[in-house]
PDB file of N, CA and C in Angstrom:
ATOM      1  N   MET A   1       0.896  -1.195  -0.167  1.00  0.00           N
ATOM      2  CA  MET A   1       0.448  -0.326  -0.062  1.00  0.00           C
ATOM      3  C   MET A   1       0.783   1.462   0.268  1.00  0.00           C
ATOM      4  N   LYS A   2       0.522   1.703  -1.280  1.00  0.00           N
ATOM      5  CA  LYS A   2       1.071   3.389  -0.966  1.00  0.00           C
ATOM      6  C   LYS A   2       0.232   4.364   0.160  1.00  0.00           C
ATOM      7  N   ASN A   3       0.962   5.489   0.216  1.00  0.00           N
ATOM      8  CA  ASN A   3       0.430   6.689   1.274  1.00  0.00           C
ATOM      9  C   ASN A   3       1.449   8.199   1.156  1.00  0.00           C
ATOM     10  N   THR A   4       0.650   8.903   0.973  1.00  0.00           N
ATOM     11  CA  THR A   4       0.739  10.141   0.944  1.00  0.00           C
ATOM     12  C   THR A   4       1.371  11.015   2.423  1.00  0.00           C
ATOM     13  N   VAL A   5       1.387  10.747   3.367  1.00  0.00           N
ATOM     14  CA  VAL A   5       1.587  10.217   4.481  1.00  0.00           C
ATOM     15  C   VAL A   5       2.392  11.917   5.152  1.00  0.00           C
ATOM     16  N   LYS A   6       3.835  11.478   4.351  1.00  0.00           N
ATOM     17  CA  LYS A   6       4.857  12.459   4.239  1.00  0.00           C
ATOM     18  C   LYS A   6       4.296  13.550   3.720  1.00  0.00           C
ATOM     19  N   VAL A   7       3.837  13.563   2.490  1.00  0.00           N
ATOM     20  CA  VAL A   7       3.580  14.699   1.836  1.00  0.00           C
ATOM     21  C   VAL A   7       2.727  15.382   2.536  1.00  0.00           C
ATOM     22  N   GLU A   8       1.507  14.826   3.010  1.00  0.00           N
ATOM     23  CA  GLU A   8       0.532  15.397   3.854  1.00  0.00           C
ATOM     24  C   GLU A   8       1.055  16.615   5.279  1.00  0.00           C
ATOM     25  N   ARG A   9       1.619  15.598   5.272  1.00  0.00           N
ATOM     26  CA  ARG A   9       2.878  16.359   6.894  1.00  0.00           C
ATOM     27  C   ARG A   9       3.121  17.960   6.435  1.00  0.00           C
ATOM     28  N   ALA A  10       3.888  17.531   5.388  1.00  0.00           N
ATOM     29  CA  ALA A  10       4.991  18.753   4.886  1.00  0.00           C
ATOM     30  C   ALA A  10       3.493  19.712   4.745  1.00  0.00           C
ATOM     31  N   LYS A  11       2.635  20.069   3.549  1.00  0.00           N
ATOM     32  CA  LYS A  11       1.785  20.539   3.293  1.00  0.00           C
ATOM     33  C   LYS A  11       1.224  21.299   4.787  1.00  0.00           C
ATOM     34  N   LYS A  12       1.121  20.245   6.009  1.00  0.00           N
ATOM     35  CA  LYS A  12       1.024  21.055   7.265  1.00  0.00           C
ATOM     36  C   LYS A  12       2.332  21.661   8.173  1.00  0.00           C
ATOM     37  N   ASP A  13       3.551  21.443   7.705  1.00  0.00           N
ATOM     38  CA  ASP A  13       4.162  21.739   8.127  1.00  0.00           C
ATOM     39  C   ASP A  13       4.454  20.894   9.839  1.00  0.00           C
ATOM     40  N   MET A  14       4.283  19.863  10.068  1.00  0.00           N
ATOM     41  CA  MET A  14       4.261  19.138  11.078  1.00  0.00           C
ATOM     42  C   MET A  14       5.272  17.847  10.801  1.00  0.00           C
ATOM     43  N   THR A  15       6.018  17.655  12.121  1.00  0.00           N
ATOM     44  CA  THR A  15       6.798  16.652  12.518  1.00  0.00           C
ATOM     45  C   THR A  15       6.081  14.943  12.388  1.00  0.00           C
ATOM     46  N   GLN A  16       7.221  13.996  12.427  1.00  0.00           N
ATOM     47  CA  GLN A  16       6.313  13.258  12.371  1.00  0.00           C
ATOM     48  C   GLN A  16       5.586  12.775  13.993  1.00  0.00           C
ATOM     49  N   GLN A  17       6.564  13.165  15.227  1.00  0.00           N
ATOM     50  CA  GLN A  17       6.131  13.550  16.436  1.00  0.00           C
ATOM     51  C   GLN A  17       4.740  14.018  16.518  1.00  0.00           C
ATOM     52  N   ASP A  18       4.771  15.220  15.766  1.00  0.00           N
ATOM     53  CA  ASP A  18       3.381  16.140  15.709  1.00  0.00           C
ATOM     54  C   ASP A  18       2.041  15.058  15.657  1.00  0.00           C
ATOM     55  N   LEU A  19       2.100  14.553  14.691  1.00  0.00           N
ATOM     56  CA  LEU A  19       1.047  13.446  13.696  1.00  0.00           C
ATOM     57  C   LEU A  19       1.016  12.847  14.975  1.00  0.00           C
ATOM     58  N   ALA A  20       2.308  11.970  15.294  1.00  0.00           N
ATOM     59  CA  ALA A  20       1.951  10.699  16.645  1.00  0.00           C
ATOM     60  C   ALA A  20       0.953  11.637  17.585  1.00  0.00           C
ATOM     61  N   ASP A  21       1.632  12.861  17.975  1.00  0.00           N
ATOM     62  CA  ASP A  21       0.684  12.904  19.248  1.00  0.00           C
ATOM     63  C   ASP A  21      -0.632  13.486  19.294  1.00  0.00           C
ATOM     64  N   LYS A  22      -1.061  14.114  17.960  1.00  0.00           N
ATOM     65  CA  LYS A  22      -2.237  14.354  17.332  1.00  0.00           C
ATOM     66  C   LYS A  22      -3.452  12.823  17.588  1.00  0.00           C
ATOM     67  N   ILE A  23      -2.516  11.814  16.745  1.00  0.00           N
ATOM     68  CA  ILE A  23      -3.519  10.569  17.039  1.00  0.00           C
ATOM     69  C   ILE A  23      -3.115   9.791  18.041  1.00  0.00           C
ATOM     70  N   GLY A  24      -2.668   9.593  19.055  1.00  0.00           N
ATOM     71  CA  GLY A  24      -2.170   9.147  19.955  1.00  0.00           C
ATOM     72  C   GLY A  24      -1.340   7.572  19.861  1.00  0.00           C
ATOM     73  N   VAL A  25      -0.103   7.689  18.332  1.00  0.00           N
ATOM     74  CA  VAL A  25       0.703   6.453  18.237  1.00  0.00           C
ATOM     75  C   VAL A  25       2.273   7.236  18.958  1.00  0.00           C
ATOM     76  N   SER A  26       3.274   6.333  18.620  1.00  0.00           N
ATOM     77  CA  SER A  26       4.629   7.013  18.663  1.00  0.00           C
ATOM     78  C   SER A  26       4.698   7.281  17.395  1.00  0.00           C
ATOM     79  N   ARG A  27       5.892   8.091  17.613  1.00  0.00           N
ATOM     80  CA  ARG A  27       6.722   8.573  16.496  1.00  0.00           C
ATOM     81  C   ARG A  27       7.148   7.344  15.322  1.00  0.00           C
ATOM     82  N   GLN A  28       7.693   6.601  15.882  1.00  0.00           N
ATOM     83  CA  GLN A  28       7.985   5.113  15.154  1.00  0.00           C
ATOM     84  C   GLN A  28       6.932   4.856  14.383  1.00  0.00           C
ATOM     85  N   THR A  29       5.804   4.565  15.049  1.00  0.00           N
ATOM     86  CA  THR A  29       4.823   4.380  14.023  1.00  0.00           C
ATOM     87  C   THR A  29       4.234   4.971  12.781  1.00  0.00           C
ATOM     88  N   ILE A  30       4.649   6.118  12.631  1.00  0.00           N
ATOM     89  CA  ILE A  30       4.274   6.986  11.867  1.00  0.00           C
ATOM     90  C   ILE A  30       5.408   7.027  10.777  1.00  0.00           C
ATOM     91  N   ASN A  31       6.730   6.522  11.449  1.00  0.00           N
ATOM     92  CA  ASN A  31       8.167   6.432  10.351  1.00  0.00           C
ATOM     93  C   ASN A  31       7.507   5.287   9.651  1.00  0.00           C
ATOM     94  N   SER A  32       7.370   4.118  10.152  1.00  0.00           N
ATOM     95  CA  SER A  32       6.812   2.832   9.723  1.00  0.00           C
ATOM     96  C   SER A  32       5.648   3.142   8.548  1.00  0.00           C
ATOM     97  N   ILE A  33       4.573   3.775   9.078  1.00  0.00           N
ATOM     98  CA  ILE A  33       3.620   3.638   7.806  1.00  0.00           C
ATOM     99  C   ILE A  33       4.234   4.608   6.307  1.00  0.00           C
ATOM    100  N   GLU A  34       4.959   5.652   6.992  1.00  0.00           N
ATOM    101  CA  GLU A  34       5.574   6.394   5.976  1.00  0.00           C
ATOM    102  C   GLU A  34       6.788   5.709   4.777  1.00  0.00           C
ATOM    103  N   ALA A  35       7.125   4.616   5.782  1.00  0.00           N
ATOM    104  CA  ALA A  35       8.587   3.945   4.576  1.00  0.00           C
ATOM    105  C   ALA A  35       7.627   2.762   3.943  1.00  0.00           C
ATOM    106  N   GLY A  36       6.129   2.809   4.525  1.00  0.00           N
ATOM    107  CA  GLY A  36       5.279   1.697   3.834  1.00  0.00           C
ATOM    108  C   GLY A  36       5.625   0.243   4.502  1.00  0.00           C
ATOM    109  N   LYS A  37       6.079   0.308   5.887  1.00  0.00           N
ATOM    110  CA  LYS A  37       6.241  -0.946   6.465  1.00  0.00           C
ATOM    111  C   LYS A  37       5.590  -1.679   7.382  1.00  0.00           C
ATOM    112  N   TYR A  38       4.318  -0.674   7.788  1.00  0.00           N
ATOM    113  CA  TYR A  38       3.036  -0.955   8.909  1.00  0.00           C
ATOM    114  C   TYR A  38       2.058  -0.623   7.666  1.00  0.00           C
ATOM    115  N   VAL A  39       0.826  -0.611   8.042  1.00  0.00           N
ATOM    116  CA  VAL A  39      -0.595  -0.908   7.396  1.00  0.00           C
ATOM    117  C   VAL A  39      -1.698  -0.410   8.361  1.00  0.00           C
ATOM    118  N   PRO A  40      -1.409   0.795   8.666  1.00  0.00           N
ATOM    119  CA  PRO A  40      -2.350   1.295   9.817  1.00  0.00           C
ATOM    120  C   PRO A  40      -4.103   0.483   9.891  1.00  0.00           C
ATOM    121  N   SER A  41      -4.502   0.436  10.648  1.00  0.00           N
ATOM    122  CA  SER A  41      -5.527   0.194  11.106  1.00  0.00           C
ATOM    123  C   SER A  41      -6.571   1.027  10.162  1.00  0.00           C
ATOM    124  N   THR A  42      -8.016   0.650  10.328  1.00  0.00           N
ATOM    125  CA  THR A  42      -9.127   1.498  10.048  1.00  0.00           C
ATOM    126  C   THR A  42      -9.077   2.639  10.874  1.00  0.00           C
ATOM    127  N   VAL A  43      -9.050   2.363  12.229  1.00  0.00           N
ATOM    128  CA  VAL A  43      -9.019   3.535  12.698  1.00  0.00           C
ATOM    129  C   VAL A  43      -7.751   4.864  12.944  1.00  0.00           C
ATOM    130  N   LEU A  44      -6.801   4.027  12.598  1.00  0.00           N
ATOM    131  CA  LEU A  44      -5.724   4.932  12.246  1.00  0.00           C
ATOM    132  C   LEU A  44      -6.039   5.672  11.423  1.00  0.00           C
ATOM    133  N   ALA A  45      -5.626   4.741  10.285  1.00  0.00           N
ATOM    134  CA  ALA A  45      -6.226   5.803   9.133  1.00  0.00           C
ATOM    135  C   ALA A  45      -7.408   6.552   8.845  1.00  0.00           C
ATOM    136  N   LEU A  46      -8.274   6.093   9.238  1.00  0.00           N
ATOM    137  CA  LEU A  46      -9.402   7.334   9.706  1.00  0.00           C
ATOM    138  C   LEU A  46      -8.613   8.483  10.701  1.00  0.00           C
ATOM    139  N   LYS A  47      -7.912   8.481  11.552  1.00  0.00           N
ATOM    140  CA  LYS A  47      -7.978   9.342  12.772  1.00  0.00           C
ATOM    141  C   LYS A  47      -6.710  10.190  10.995  1.00  0.00           C
ATOM    142  N   ILE A  48      -5.996   9.381  10.690  1.00  0.00           N
ATOM    143  CA  ILE A  48      -5.155  10.352  10.083  1.00  0.00           C
ATOM    144  C   ILE A  48      -5.508  10.810   9.062  1.00  0.00           C
ATOM    145  N   GLY A  49      -6.289  10.554   8.184  1.00  0.00           N
ATOM    146  CA  GLY A  49      -7.052  11.383   7.406  1.00  0.00           C
ATOM    147  C   GLY A  49      -8.402  12.877   8.062  1.00  0.00           C
ATOM    148  N   ARG A  50      -8.516  12.524   9.451  1.00  0.00           N
ATOM    149  CA  ARG A  50      -8.964  13.677   9.968  1.00  0.00           C
ATOM    150  C   ARG A  50      -8.071  14.872  10.203  1.00  0.00           C
ATOM    151  N   VAL A  51      -7.096  14.299  10.755  1.00  0.00           N
ATOM    152  CA  VAL A  51      -5.701  15.096  10.796  1.00  0.00           C
ATOM    153  C   VAL A  51      -5.675  16.780   9.546  1.00  0.00           C
ATOM    154  N   PHE A  52      -5.713  15.568   8.746  1.00  0.00           N
ATOM    155  CA  PHE A  52      -4.764  16.097   7.343  1.00  0.00           C
ATOM    156  C   PHE A  52      -6.859  16.876   6.387  1.00  0.00           C
ATOM    157  N   GLN A  53      -7.831  16.628   7.111  1.00  0.00           N
ATOM    158  CA  GLN A  53      -8.767  16.963   6.492  1.00  0.00           C
ATOM    159  C   GLN A  53      -8.772  16.471   5.013  1.00  0.00           C
ATOM    160  N   THR A  54      -8.345  15.080   5.017  1.00  0.00           N
ATOM    161  CA  THR A  54      -8.109  14.629   3.668  1.00  0.00           C
ATOM    162  C   THR A  54      -9.048  13.138   3.281  1.00  0.00           C
ATOM    163  N   PRO A  55     -10.040  12.925   2.017  1.00  0.00           N
ATOM    164  CA  PRO A  55     -10.762  11.660   1.894  1.00  0.00           C
ATOM    165  C   PRO A  55      -9.260  10.458   2.055  1.00  0.00           C
ATOM    166  N   LEU A  56      -9.406   9.297   2.972  1.00  0.00           N
ATOM    167  CA  LEU A  56      -8.785   8.447   3.213  1.00  0.00           C
ATOM    168  C   LEU A  56      -8.146   7.908   1.522  1.00  0.00           C
ATOM    169  N   GLU A  57      -8.484   8.370   0.081  1.00  0.00           N
ATOM    170  CA  GLU A  57      -8.304   7.602  -0.978  1.00  0.00           C
ATOM    171  C   GLU A  57      -7.248   8.593  -1.342  1.00  0.00           C
ATOM    172  N   LEU A  58      -7.169   9.600  -0.844  1.00  0.00           N
ATOM    173  CA  LEU A  58      -5.863  10.923  -1.288  1.00  0.00           C
ATOM    174  C   LEU A  58      -4.834  10.145  -0.508  1.00  0.00           C
ATOM    175  N   ILE A  59      -5.043   9.831   0.644  1.00  0.00           N
ATOM    176  CA  ILE A  59      -3.563   8.811   1.351  1.00  0.00           C
ATOM    177  C   ILE A  59      -2.891   8.192   1.067  1.00  0.00           C
ATOM    178  N   PHE A  60      -4.197   7.180   1.119  1.00  0.00           N
ATOM    179  CA  PHE A  60      -3.593   5.178   0.966  1.00  0.00           C
ATOM    180  C   PHE A  60      -4.309   5.416  -0.502  1.00  0.00           C
ATOM    181  N   GLU A  61      -3.137   4.052  -0.733  1.00  0.00           N
ATOM    182  CA  GLU A  61      -3.643   3.662  -2.539  1.00  0.00           C
ATOM    183  C   GLU A  61      -3.519   2.364  -2.283  1.00  0.00           C
ATOM    184  N   LEU A  62      -4.058   1.401  -2.704  1.00  0.00           N
ATOM    185  CA  LEU A  62      -3.572   0.023  -2.844  1.00  0.00           C
ATOM    186  C   LEU A  62      -3.139  -0.470  -4.273  1.00  0.00           C
ATOM    187  N   GLU A  63      -1.954  -1.303  -3.562  1.00  0.00           N
ATOM    188  CA  GLU A  63      -0.795  -1.279  -5.104  1.00  0.00           C
ATOM    189  C   GLU A  63      -1.127  -2.734  -5.502  1.00  0.00           C
ATOM    190  N   GLU A  64      -0.784  -2.969  -7.191  1.00  0.00           N
ATOM    191  CA  GLU A  64      -1.346  -4.295  -7.375  1.00  0.00           C
ATOM    192  C   GLU A  64      -0.826  -6.063  -6.431  1.00  0.00           C
ATOM    193  N   GLY A  65      -1.704  -6.386  -6.541  1.00  0.00           N
ATOM    194  CA  GLY A  65      -0.960  -7.425  -5.309  1.00  0.00           C
ATOM    195  C   GLY A  65      -1.275  -7.555  -4.049  1.00  0.00           C
ATOM    196  N   ASP A  66      -1.543  -5.905  -2.926  1.00  0.00           N
ATOM    197  CA  ASP A  66      -2.571  -5.870  -2.288  1.00  0.00           C
ATOM    198  C   ASP A  66      -3.599  -6.550  -1.641  1.00  0.00           C
TER     199      ASP A  66
END
């Protein structure tokens, strides 16, 4: 699964820690999501979408084989 979390953070001038604090996870979790090593739960993805005020389809994208 591809994502644009890093891009969305940059638009809002947020650090990984800022985002982590807003959604209640560790900075390492945000790093893993951005690196594509961790696929967030539905609840976590919805929280990320809410912070960025962006539909999930614009943040997360399924790749072939997902």
